[in-house]
Protein backbone atom coordinates (compact mmCIF):
# COMPACT_ATOMS: atom_id res chain seq x y z
CA UNK A 1 23.10 57.75 38.98
CA UNK A 2 22.01 58.68 42.51
CA UNK A 3 22.94 56.20 45.24
CA UNK A 4 19.29 56.06 46.22
CA UNK A 5 18.42 54.84 42.71
CA UNK A 6 21.24 52.30 42.74
CA UNK A 7 20.03 50.95 46.08
CA UNK A 8 16.30 51.30 45.26
CA UNK A 9 15.85 53.07 48.60
CA UNK A 10 12.70 54.73 49.93
CA UNK A 11 13.84 58.27 48.90
CA UNK A 12 14.25 57.06 45.33
CA UNK A 13 10.77 55.51 45.25
CA UNK A 14 9.42 58.83 46.55
CA UNK A 15 11.33 60.80 43.89
CA UNK A 16 10.20 58.35 41.20
CA UNK A 17 6.59 58.94 42.24
CA UNK A 18 6.63 62.73 41.90
CA UNK A 19 6.08 63.04 38.10
CA UNK A 20 3.04 60.78 38.36
CA UNK A 21 1.96 62.80 41.41
CA UNK A 22 2.04 65.97 39.29
CA UNK A 23 -0.35 64.47 36.77
CA UNK A 24 -2.48 62.94 39.52
CA UNK A 25 -2.79 66.35 41.17
CA UNK A 26 -3.83 67.90 37.86
CA UNK A 27 -6.44 65.16 37.50
CA UNK A 28 -7.65 65.76 41.08
CA UNK A 29 -8.14 69.44 40.26
CA UNK A 30 -10.04 68.49 37.13
CA UNK A 31 -12.26 66.01 39.02
CA UNK A 32 -12.98 68.43 41.86
CA UNK A 33 -13.47 71.61 39.89
CA UNK A 34 -14.48 70.95 36.28
CA UNK A 35 -18.09 69.76 36.70
CA UNK A 36 -18.63 72.26 39.52
CA UNK A 37 -17.38 75.24 37.47
CA UNK A 38 -19.33 74.23 34.37
CA UNK A 39 -22.64 73.87 36.25
CA UNK A 40 -22.44 76.69 38.81
CA UNK A 41 -20.42 79.34 36.97
CA UNK A 42 -21.44 78.67 33.37
CA UNK A 43 -24.86 76.98 33.72
CA UNK A 44 -24.27 73.85 31.62
CA UNK A 45 -26.72 70.96 32.09
CA UNK A 46 -25.77 67.37 32.98
CA UNK A 47 -25.58 66.15 29.38
CA UNK A 48 -23.38 69.06 28.29
CA UNK A 49 -21.05 68.44 31.23
CA UNK A 50 -20.79 64.83 30.07
CA UNK A 51 -19.83 66.02 26.59
CA UNK A 52 -17.06 68.23 27.98
CA UNK A 53 -15.73 65.28 29.99
CA UNK A 54 -15.83 63.17 26.82
CA UNK A 55 -13.12 65.39 25.33
CA UNK A 56 -10.55 64.05 27.78
CA UNK A 57 -10.90 60.34 26.98
CA UNK A 58 -10.79 61.21 23.27
CA UNK A 59 -7.42 62.82 23.90
CA UNK A 60 -6.33 59.75 25.87
CA UNK A 61 -7.15 57.35 23.05
CA UNK A 62 -4.71 59.12 20.77
CA UNK A 63 -2.29 60.58 23.28
CA UNK A 64 -1.38 57.60 25.44
CA UNK A 65 -0.96 55.07 22.62
CA UNK A 66 0.92 57.44 20.33
CA UNK A 67 3.20 58.79 23.07
CA UNK A 68 3.78 55.26 24.33
CA UNK A 69 4.94 54.05 20.92
CA UNK A 70 7.14 57.10 20.37
CA UNK A 71 8.71 57.01 23.83
CA UNK A 72 9.67 53.35 23.35
CA UNK A 73 11.77 54.29 20.35
CA UNK A 74 13.33 57.70 21.02
CA UNK A 75 16.23 58.97 23.11
CA UNK A 76 16.13 62.73 23.77
CA UNK A 77 17.48 64.85 26.62
CA UNK A 78 19.07 61.68 28.09
CA UNK A 79 15.77 59.90 28.40
CA UNK A 80 12.96 58.16 26.54
CA UNK A 81 10.20 59.24 28.99
CA UNK A 82 11.72 62.52 30.23
CA UNK A 83 10.81 64.77 27.25
CA UNK A 84 7.13 63.88 27.42
CA UNK A 85 6.95 64.38 31.18
CA UNK A 86 8.40 67.87 30.81
CA UNK A 87 6.20 68.92 27.89
CA UNK A 88 3.04 67.46 29.39
CA UNK A 89 3.65 69.15 32.73
CA UNK A 90 3.91 72.62 31.20
CA UNK A 91 0.77 72.12 29.08
CA UNK A 92 -1.22 70.77 32.04
CA UNK A 93 -0.29 73.77 34.21
CA UNK A 94 -1.35 76.22 31.49
CA UNK A 95 -4.72 74.51 31.01
CA UNK A 96 -5.39 74.50 34.75
CA UNK A 97 -4.93 78.27 34.66
CA UNK A 98 -7.49 78.41 31.86
CA UNK A 99 -10.23 76.52 33.73
CA UNK A 100 -11.63 79.43 35.78
CA UNK A 101 -11.23 81.80 32.83
CA UNK A 102 -13.21 79.97 30.15
CA UNK A 103 -15.64 82.88 29.76
CA UNK A 104 -12.78 85.40 29.50
CA UNK A 105 -11.04 83.30 26.86
CA UNK A 106 -14.30 82.84 24.97
CA UNK A 107 -15.02 86.58 24.96
CA UNK A 108 -11.48 87.52 23.92
CA UNK A 109 -11.76 85.15 20.97
CA UNK A 110 -15.11 86.59 19.95
CA UNK A 111 -16.95 83.31 20.54
CA UNK A 112 -20.56 83.65 21.71
CA UNK A 113 -20.96 80.37 23.60
CA UNK A 114 -18.51 78.76 25.97
CA UNK A 115 -19.14 75.11 25.05
CA UNK A 116 -16.50 75.02 22.33
CA UNK A 117 -13.89 76.72 24.49
CA UNK A 118 -14.70 74.44 27.45
CA UNK A 119 -14.25 71.37 25.26
CA UNK A 120 -10.99 72.73 23.81
CA UNK A 121 -9.55 73.42 27.28
CA UNK A 122 -10.70 70.05 28.67
CA UNK A 123 -9.29 68.31 25.60
CA UNK A 124 -5.91 70.05 25.88
CA UNK A 125 -5.74 69.50 29.65
CA UNK A 126 -6.47 65.81 29.34
CA UNK A 127 -4.14 65.47 26.36
CA UNK A 128 -1.39 67.08 28.46
CA UNK A 129 -2.12 64.74 31.36
CA UNK A 130 -2.11 61.76 29.02
CA UNK A 131 1.12 62.89 27.35
CA UNK A 132 2.76 62.67 30.75
CA UNK A 133 0.80 59.95 32.55
CA UNK A 134 2.00 57.16 30.25
CA UNK A 135 5.70 58.06 30.61
CA UNK A 136 5.40 58.69 34.37
CA UNK A 137 4.10 55.15 34.80
CA UNK A 138 6.34 53.52 32.22
CA UNK A 139 9.48 55.02 33.77
CA UNK A 140 8.74 53.12 37.00
CA UNK A 141 8.85 49.83 35.09
CA UNK A 142 11.96 51.00 33.21
CA UNK A 143 14.05 51.56 36.34
CA UNK A 144 12.76 48.78 38.64
CA UNK A 145 13.28 45.01 38.26
CA UNK A 146 10.27 42.74 37.86
CA UNK A 147 8.88 41.30 41.06
CA UNK A 148 8.49 42.84 44.50
CA UNK A 149 10.47 45.97 43.56
CA UNK A 150 8.06 46.64 40.67
CA UNK A 151 5.02 46.25 42.91
CA UNK A 152 6.67 48.53 45.45
CA UNK A 153 7.27 51.15 42.78
CA UNK A 154 3.60 51.31 41.81
CA UNK A 155 2.24 51.16 45.36
CA UNK A 156 4.61 53.97 46.39
CA UNK A 157 3.44 55.87 43.32
CA UNK A 158 -0.15 55.73 44.55
CA UNK A 159 0.76 56.47 48.17
CA UNK A 160 2.68 59.65 47.26
CA UNK A 161 0.23 60.67 44.56
CA UNK A 162 -2.75 59.85 46.76
CA UNK A 163 -1.34 61.88 49.63
CA UNK A 164 -1.18 64.93 47.40
CA UNK A 165 -4.68 64.08 46.19
CA UNK A 166 -5.79 64.40 49.81
CA UNK A 167 -4.10 67.80 49.89
CA UNK A 168 -5.96 68.78 46.72
CA UNK A 169 -9.39 68.00 48.11
CA UNK A 170 -8.47 69.54 51.47
CA UNK A 171 -7.63 72.82 49.74
CA UNK A 172 -10.93 72.71 47.87
CA UNK A 173 -12.85 72.00 51.07
CA UNK A 174 -11.08 74.49 53.36
CA UNK A 175 -10.80 77.35 50.87
CA UNK A 176 -12.41 76.79 47.47
CA UNK A 177 -11.84 75.25 44.07
CA UNK A 178 -10.24 78.42 42.74
CA UNK A 179 -7.49 78.23 45.37
CA UNK A 180 -7.09 74.56 44.47
CA UNK A 181 -6.55 75.41 40.81
CA UNK A 182 -3.78 77.94 41.47
CA UNK A 183 -1.97 75.69 43.97
CA UNK A 184 -2.28 72.92 41.39
CA UNK A 185 -0.44 74.98 38.80
CA UNK A 186 2.57 75.34 41.13
CA UNK A 187 2.67 71.65 42.13
CA UNK A 188 2.25 70.37 38.58
CA UNK A 189 5.10 72.53 37.33
CA UNK A 190 7.49 71.67 40.19
CA UNK A 191 6.90 67.90 40.19
CA UNK A 192 7.01 67.50 36.42
CA UNK A 193 9.98 69.77 35.67
CA UNK A 194 12.47 68.94 38.48
CA UNK A 195 12.44 65.18 39.38
CA UNK A 196 13.04 63.81 35.83
CA UNK A 197 16.55 65.28 35.84
CA UNK A 198 17.45 63.22 38.93
CA UNK A 199 16.20 59.88 37.57
CA UNK A 200 18.62 58.06 35.29
CA UNK A 201 16.85 56.13 32.56
CA UNK A 202 18.44 53.06 30.92
CA UNK A 203 18.98 53.61 27.22
CA UNK A 204 18.35 49.94 26.42
CA UNK A 205 15.77 47.69 28.07
CA UNK A 206 15.38 43.96 28.57
CA UNK A 207 18.62 42.86 26.94
CA UNK A 208 18.38 45.30 24.03
CA UNK A 209 21.35 47.11 22.53
CA UNK A 210 22.05 49.48 19.66
CA UNK A 211 21.50 46.67 17.13
CA UNK A 212 17.97 45.94 18.32
CA UNK A 213 15.43 47.09 15.71
CA UNK A 214 12.76 49.56 16.76
CA UNK A 215 9.50 48.00 17.91
CA UNK A 216 6.47 48.66 15.77
CA UNK A 217 2.84 47.63 15.90
CA UNK A 218 0.38 47.68 13.01
CA UNK A 219 -3.21 48.83 13.41
CA UNK A 220 -4.38 45.23 12.96
CA UNK A 221 -2.10 44.06 15.78
CA UNK A 222 -3.26 46.86 18.06
CA UNK A 223 -6.91 46.06 17.37
CA UNK A 224 -6.22 42.41 18.16
CA UNK A 225 -4.59 43.30 21.49
CA UNK A 226 -7.63 45.36 22.55
CA UNK A 227 -10.31 42.95 21.27
CA UNK A 228 -12.19 42.87 24.63
CA UNK A 229 -12.74 46.62 24.24
CA UNK A 230 -14.32 46.51 20.78
CA UNK A 231 -17.84 46.95 22.17
CA UNK A 232 -16.81 50.07 24.05
CA UNK A 233 -15.07 51.44 20.95
CA UNK A 234 -18.06 50.79 18.68
CA UNK A 235 -20.46 52.49 21.06
CA UNK A 236 -18.16 55.48 21.53
CA UNK A 237 -18.03 56.05 17.76
CA UNK A 238 -21.82 55.69 17.47
CA UNK A 239 -22.69 57.91 20.44
CA UNK A 240 -20.19 60.61 19.54
CA UNK A 241 -21.59 60.71 16.01
CA UNK A 242 -25.12 61.17 17.33
CA UNK A 243 -24.03 63.87 19.76
CA UNK A 244 -22.10 65.87 17.16
CA UNK A 245 -25.01 65.60 14.71
CA UNK A 246 -27.51 66.60 17.46
CA UNK A 247 -29.56 63.44 16.84
CA UNK A 248 -31.61 62.09 19.75
CA UNK A 249 -32.56 58.41 19.88
CA UNK A 250 -35.27 57.38 22.32
CA UNK A 251 -34.56 53.63 22.42
CA UNK A 252 -31.50 51.82 23.74
CA UNK A 253 -31.08 49.26 20.95
CA UNK A 254 -27.47 50.19 20.14
CA UNK A 255 -26.58 50.31 23.82
CA UNK A 256 -27.95 46.79 24.30
CA UNK A 257 -26.12 45.50 21.22
CA UNK A 258 -22.79 46.97 22.34
CA UNK A 259 -23.29 45.64 25.87
CA UNK A 260 -23.92 42.11 24.56
CA UNK A 261 -20.90 42.39 22.23
CA UNK A 262 -18.72 43.56 25.13
CA UNK A 263 -19.85 40.73 27.39
CA UNK A 264 -19.16 38.18 24.64
CA UNK A 265 -15.67 39.51 23.87
CA UNK A 266 -14.78 39.89 27.55
CA UNK A 267 -15.98 36.33 28.17
CA UNK A 268 -13.90 35.12 25.23
CA UNK A 269 -10.82 36.79 26.67
CA UNK A 270 -11.36 35.54 30.21
CA UNK A 271 -11.94 31.93 29.19
CA UNK A 272 -9.15 31.78 26.58
CA UNK A 273 -6.55 29.08 27.19
CA UNK A 274 -2.95 30.06 27.88
CA UNK A 275 -1.22 26.84 26.95
CA UNK A 276 -0.43 27.78 23.37
CA UNK A 277 2.82 29.47 22.40
CA UNK A 278 4.52 31.74 24.93
CA UNK A 279 3.73 34.71 22.71
CA UNK A 280 0.01 33.86 22.52
CA UNK A 281 -0.09 33.22 26.27
CA UNK A 282 1.19 36.73 26.86
CA UNK A 283 -1.37 38.25 24.49
CA UNK A 284 -4.19 36.33 26.17
CA UNK A 285 -2.97 37.43 29.59
CA UNK A 286 -2.93 41.09 28.55
CA UNK A 287 -6.45 40.79 27.12
CA UNK A 288 -7.75 39.37 30.38
CA UNK A 289 -6.30 42.24 32.38
CA UNK A 290 -7.79 44.98 30.18
CA UNK A 291 -11.14 43.17 30.06
CA UNK A 292 -11.38 43.13 33.85
CA UNK A 293 -10.00 46.63 34.31
CA UNK A 294 -12.43 48.25 31.86
CA UNK A 295 -15.53 47.63 33.98
CA UNK A 296 -13.82 49.21 37.00
CA UNK A 297 -13.60 52.48 35.13
CA UNK A 298 -17.29 52.53 34.23
CA UNK A 299 -17.97 52.59 37.97
CA UNK A 300 -15.22 55.04 38.86
CA UNK A 301 -15.90 57.57 36.10
CA UNK A 302 -19.65 57.54 36.78
CA UNK A 303 -18.87 58.58 40.36
CA UNK A 304 -16.38 61.28 39.37
CA UNK A 305 -18.52 62.94 36.71
CA UNK A 306 -22.02 62.63 38.17
CA UNK A 307 -21.43 62.83 41.93
CA UNK A 308 -22.83 66.39 41.81
CA UNK A 309 -26.11 65.16 40.24
CA UNK A 310 -26.60 62.59 42.99
CA UNK A 311 -25.88 65.15 45.73
CA UNK A 312 -28.30 67.68 44.23
CA UNK A 313 -30.95 64.92 44.34
CA UNK A 314 -30.13 63.35 47.72
CA UNK A 315 -29.19 66.56 49.57
CA UNK A 316 -31.30 69.33 48.00
CA UNK A 317 -30.67 71.76 50.88
CA UNK A 318 -27.01 72.24 49.85
CA UNK A 319 -26.31 75.53 48.06
CA UNK A 320 -23.68 75.80 45.30
CA UNK A 321 -20.81 76.51 47.70
CA UNK A 322 -21.83 73.72 50.08
CA UNK A 323 -22.23 71.36 47.15
CA UNK A 324 -18.69 72.07 45.96
CA UNK A 325 -17.31 71.72 49.49
CA UNK A 326 -19.14 68.40 50.05
CA UNK A 327 -17.79 66.99 46.81
CA UNK A 328 -14.26 68.07 47.76
CA UNK A 329 -14.54 66.50 51.24
CA UNK A 330 -15.95 63.28 49.79
CA UNK A 331 -13.04 62.97 47.39
CA UNK A 332 -10.66 63.97 50.19
CA UNK A 333 -11.82 60.95 52.21
CA UNK A 334 -11.55 58.75 49.13
CA UNK A 335 -8.02 59.96 48.44
CA UNK A 336 -6.91 59.66 52.07
CA UNK A 337 -7.83 55.99 52.22
CA UNK A 338 -6.42 55.26 48.77
CA UNK A 339 -3.16 57.02 49.71
CA UNK A 340 -2.54 55.07 52.89
CA UNK A 341 -3.51 51.60 51.68
CA UNK A 342 -1.27 50.74 48.69
CA UNK A 343 2.22 50.91 50.25
CA UNK A 344 1.27 50.08 53.82
CA UNK A 345 -1.60 47.59 53.46
CA UNK A 346 -2.14 46.34 49.89
CA UNK A 347 1.54 45.62 49.17
CA UNK A 348 2.02 43.44 52.31
CA UNK A 349 -1.29 41.65 51.65
CA UNK A 350 -0.36 41.05 48.01
CA UNK A 351 2.84 39.36 49.18
CA UNK A 352 0.66 36.80 50.95
CA UNK A 353 -2.42 36.51 48.75
CA UNK A 354 -1.00 37.62 45.41
CA UNK A 355 -1.68 40.85 43.56
CA UNK A 356 -4.76 39.67 41.64
CA UNK A 357 -6.55 38.23 44.67
CA UNK A 358 -5.77 41.36 46.70
CA UNK A 359 -7.13 43.53 43.90
CA UNK A 360 -10.28 41.41 43.51
CA UNK A 361 -11.02 41.59 47.23
CA UNK A 362 -10.44 45.36 47.31
CA UNK A 363 -12.81 46.22 44.48
CA UNK A 364 -15.46 43.81 45.83
CA UNK A 365 -15.47 45.92 48.99
CA UNK A 366 -15.68 49.02 46.78
CA UNK A 367 -18.85 47.67 45.09
CA UNK A 368 -20.48 47.29 48.51
CA UNK A 369 -19.53 50.87 49.34
CA UNK A 370 -21.13 52.15 46.15
CA UNK A 371 -24.34 50.26 46.84
CA UNK A 372 -24.37 51.70 50.34
CA UNK A 373 -24.11 55.25 48.98
CA UNK A 374 -27.02 54.66 46.60
CA UNK A 375 -29.24 53.56 49.49
CA UNK A 376 -28.10 55.39 52.59
CA UNK A 377 -26.03 58.53 51.75
CA UNK A 378 -28.60 61.22 52.46
CA UNK A 379 -26.28 63.35 54.61
CA UNK A 380 -22.67 64.50 54.13
CA UNK A 381 -21.44 62.47 57.12
CA UNK A 382 -22.92 59.21 55.81
CA UNK A 383 -21.45 59.96 52.39
CA UNK A 384 -17.97 60.49 53.87
CA UNK A 385 -18.10 57.21 55.83
CA UNK A 386 -19.13 55.22 52.78
CA UNK A 387 -16.55 56.98 50.59
CA UNK A 388 -13.89 55.65 52.97
CA UNK A 389 -15.05 52.13 52.08
CA UNK A 390 -14.98 53.01 48.37
CA UNK A 391 -11.42 54.28 48.85
CA UNK A 392 -10.21 50.73 49.52
CA UNK A 393 -11.01 49.75 45.95
CA UNK A 394 -9.81 53.05 44.50
CA UNK A 395 -6.40 52.57 46.13
CA UNK A 396 -6.14 49.18 44.43
CA UNK A 397 -7.39 50.35 41.01
CA UNK A 398 -4.75 53.07 40.66
CA UNK A 399 -1.80 50.92 41.77
CA UNK A 400 -2.05 47.13 41.52
CA UNK A 401 -3.21 46.75 37.87
CA UNK A 402 -0.05 48.52 36.65
CA UNK A 403 2.15 46.04 38.52
CA UNK A 404 -0.01 43.11 37.35
CA UNK A 405 0.09 44.19 33.72
CA UNK A 406 3.73 45.27 33.54
CA UNK A 407 5.15 41.79 34.26
CA UNK A 408 3.11 40.24 31.45
CA UNK A 409 4.49 42.21 28.53
CA UNK A 410 7.73 42.70 26.64
CA UNK A 411 9.75 45.21 28.68
CA UNK A 412 10.97 46.92 25.53
CA UNK A 413 7.38 47.79 24.57
CA UNK A 414 6.33 49.17 27.93
CA UNK A 415 5.22 52.52 26.49
CA UNK A 416 3.09 50.90 23.79
CA UNK A 417 1.29 48.56 26.16
CA UNK A 418 0.90 51.20 28.85
CA UNK A 419 -0.90 53.17 26.14
CA UNK A 420 -3.05 50.21 25.11
CA UNK A 421 -3.74 49.47 28.76
CA UNK A 422 -4.99 53.05 29.10
CA UNK A 423 -7.66 52.29 26.49
CA UNK A 424 -9.30 50.10 29.14
CA UNK A 425 -9.69 53.39 31.03
CA UNK A 426 -10.58 55.97 28.38
CA UNK A 427 -12.99 53.91 26.24
CA UNK A 428 -15.20 53.14 29.27
CA UNK A 429 -14.87 56.79 30.32
CA UNK A 430 -16.38 57.81 26.98
CA UNK A 431 -19.24 55.37 27.47
CA UNK A 432 -19.85 57.04 30.83
CA UNK A 433 -19.87 60.54 29.33
CA UNK A 434 -21.90 59.76 26.21
CA UNK A 435 -24.25 56.94 27.22
CA UNK A 436 -24.55 56.76 30.98
CA UNK A 437 -24.79 60.55 31.23
CA UNK A 438 -27.85 60.48 28.97
CA UNK A 439 -29.39 57.70 31.06
CA UNK A 440 -28.78 59.61 34.31
CA UNK A 441 -30.18 62.86 32.88
CA UNK A 442 -33.41 61.04 31.95
CA UNK A 443 -33.76 59.27 35.30
CA UNK A 444 -35.83 60.93 38.02
CA UNK A 445 -34.04 59.03 40.80
CA UNK A 446 -30.38 60.08 40.66
CA UNK A 447 -29.34 57.26 43.01
CA UNK A 448 -28.93 55.42 39.72
CA UNK A 449 -25.47 57.08 39.62
CA UNK A 450 -24.15 54.80 42.34
CA UNK A 451 -26.26 51.78 41.38
CA UNK A 452 -24.53 51.83 37.98
CA UNK A 453 -21.18 52.26 39.73
CA UNK A 454 -21.84 49.33 42.09
CA UNK A 455 -22.90 46.97 39.29
CA UNK A 456 -19.91 47.89 37.12
CA UNK A 457 -17.39 47.34 39.92
CA UNK A 458 -19.04 44.04 40.87
CA UNK A 459 -18.73 42.83 37.26
CA UNK A 460 -15.08 43.89 37.27
CA UNK A 461 -14.47 41.87 40.45
CA UNK A 462 -16.00 38.79 38.84
CA UNK A 463 -13.73 39.25 35.82
CA UNK A 464 -10.59 39.66 37.97
CA UNK A 465 -11.52 36.43 39.78
CA UNK A 466 -10.92 34.62 36.45
CA UNK A 467 -7.30 35.86 36.21
CA UNK A 468 -4.42 33.87 37.65
CA UNK A 469 -1.67 35.54 39.63
CA UNK A 470 1.64 35.75 37.80
CA UNK A 471 4.58 34.60 39.87
CA UNK A 472 7.45 37.01 40.39
CA UNK A 473 10.31 34.61 39.88
CA UNK A 474 12.65 35.59 37.02
CA UNK A 475 11.63 34.05 33.75
CA UNK A 476 8.05 33.36 34.83
CA UNK A 477 6.54 36.32 33.01
CA UNK A 478 4.79 35.64 29.75
CA UNK A 479 6.49 37.71 27.08
CA UNK A 480 5.21 38.71 23.69
CA UNK A 481 6.04 41.26 21.10
CA UNK A 482 4.54 42.76 18.02
CA UNK A 483 6.23 42.86 14.65
CA UNK A 484 9.56 44.61 14.07
């Protein structure tokens, strides 16, 4: 074990953050370049772009949960998370290389249209990212003690990852998205293949030993844990079925039903009492966190996927190159703020106010920023200024919820619950791609993109306000486990 790991020093936190940074950089490339390439190079419309983006969350539903369960119960190459970080990094790099060559790949395979190839590449890229993202986050909890050190691990993760995100968008803005893609391949390979060999993983977690039975979770148990997300799941199945069958529905009856169901189940989770058994208290606590976090990702994903549609509407004088550059600069500003804040601002504030209150305040500010964009961002400069405000909430979303969630679950099932926690990201992402994309494509006023984002983030803030901060003293965390 490195001395820096033994001492939990700053160099170790930086090293520990690099695998997650690799996947974050791959995601930044995807966010910056995918919609732009599909619309400008291949001519896909808004709804088709949404369908391509839907492939990623589908991969995440399977990938994160499955890899989480497996990585909790295997030991390979002197690690439980290491094998999946290595494999995912190689796959992600290969799929990044494929992004600007979708037409070449399609032609070489004798396929007339590019939609199927685009979906396959997006699916494989996101599956690769999800294969690695879960382990890169779980390994931080594996090698840091609960409490301040855990929070520090996740805030450092976002600061390092966010700093490279700034680099990603800077490359896209200064040169172009093609340069960004090829630089991304190098960074993803280096940060996913080298650091894992310098991080020593514990073979047994949370008092376990070789006699401890492997942890398992039945489908019924998993569905119970994610009950607040049932409305999202039901709508995703419905909307994907319609899309694959090429059926168009003019009314929004199913959307309204699923929204009401979601609000009821989220309300049930948020108002559930915790004073039952310790196991039930932990389950209820986890449900509250995923309920609140899910609405954040409706707002975030709507921005990421449909930013280009809003800019084409609000700034029609931008040509394709200027459009791509403006998107890259906007996300550069977002990433710069979100990179600086977690380790240097949010962590110190959370020590005073608590992690949940700090997070609630941050995303409330983000909702105001989104509303401001919908009303006032008619020039690139105004957009950049308001994106800096949005970055406050983004910095919190990608750091604090991991620390909040990780102290509320059984340490030995970190991979499983990291995967389940990711469902509060990918299920709302699918809603954004399949439902909100259709709504935006039908709307004449594309400022609806950021109105939807503002409302979703505001609802998330209200949900987080119902969650109590968990104290960091040893033994204070609510623990629960599934069947063995």
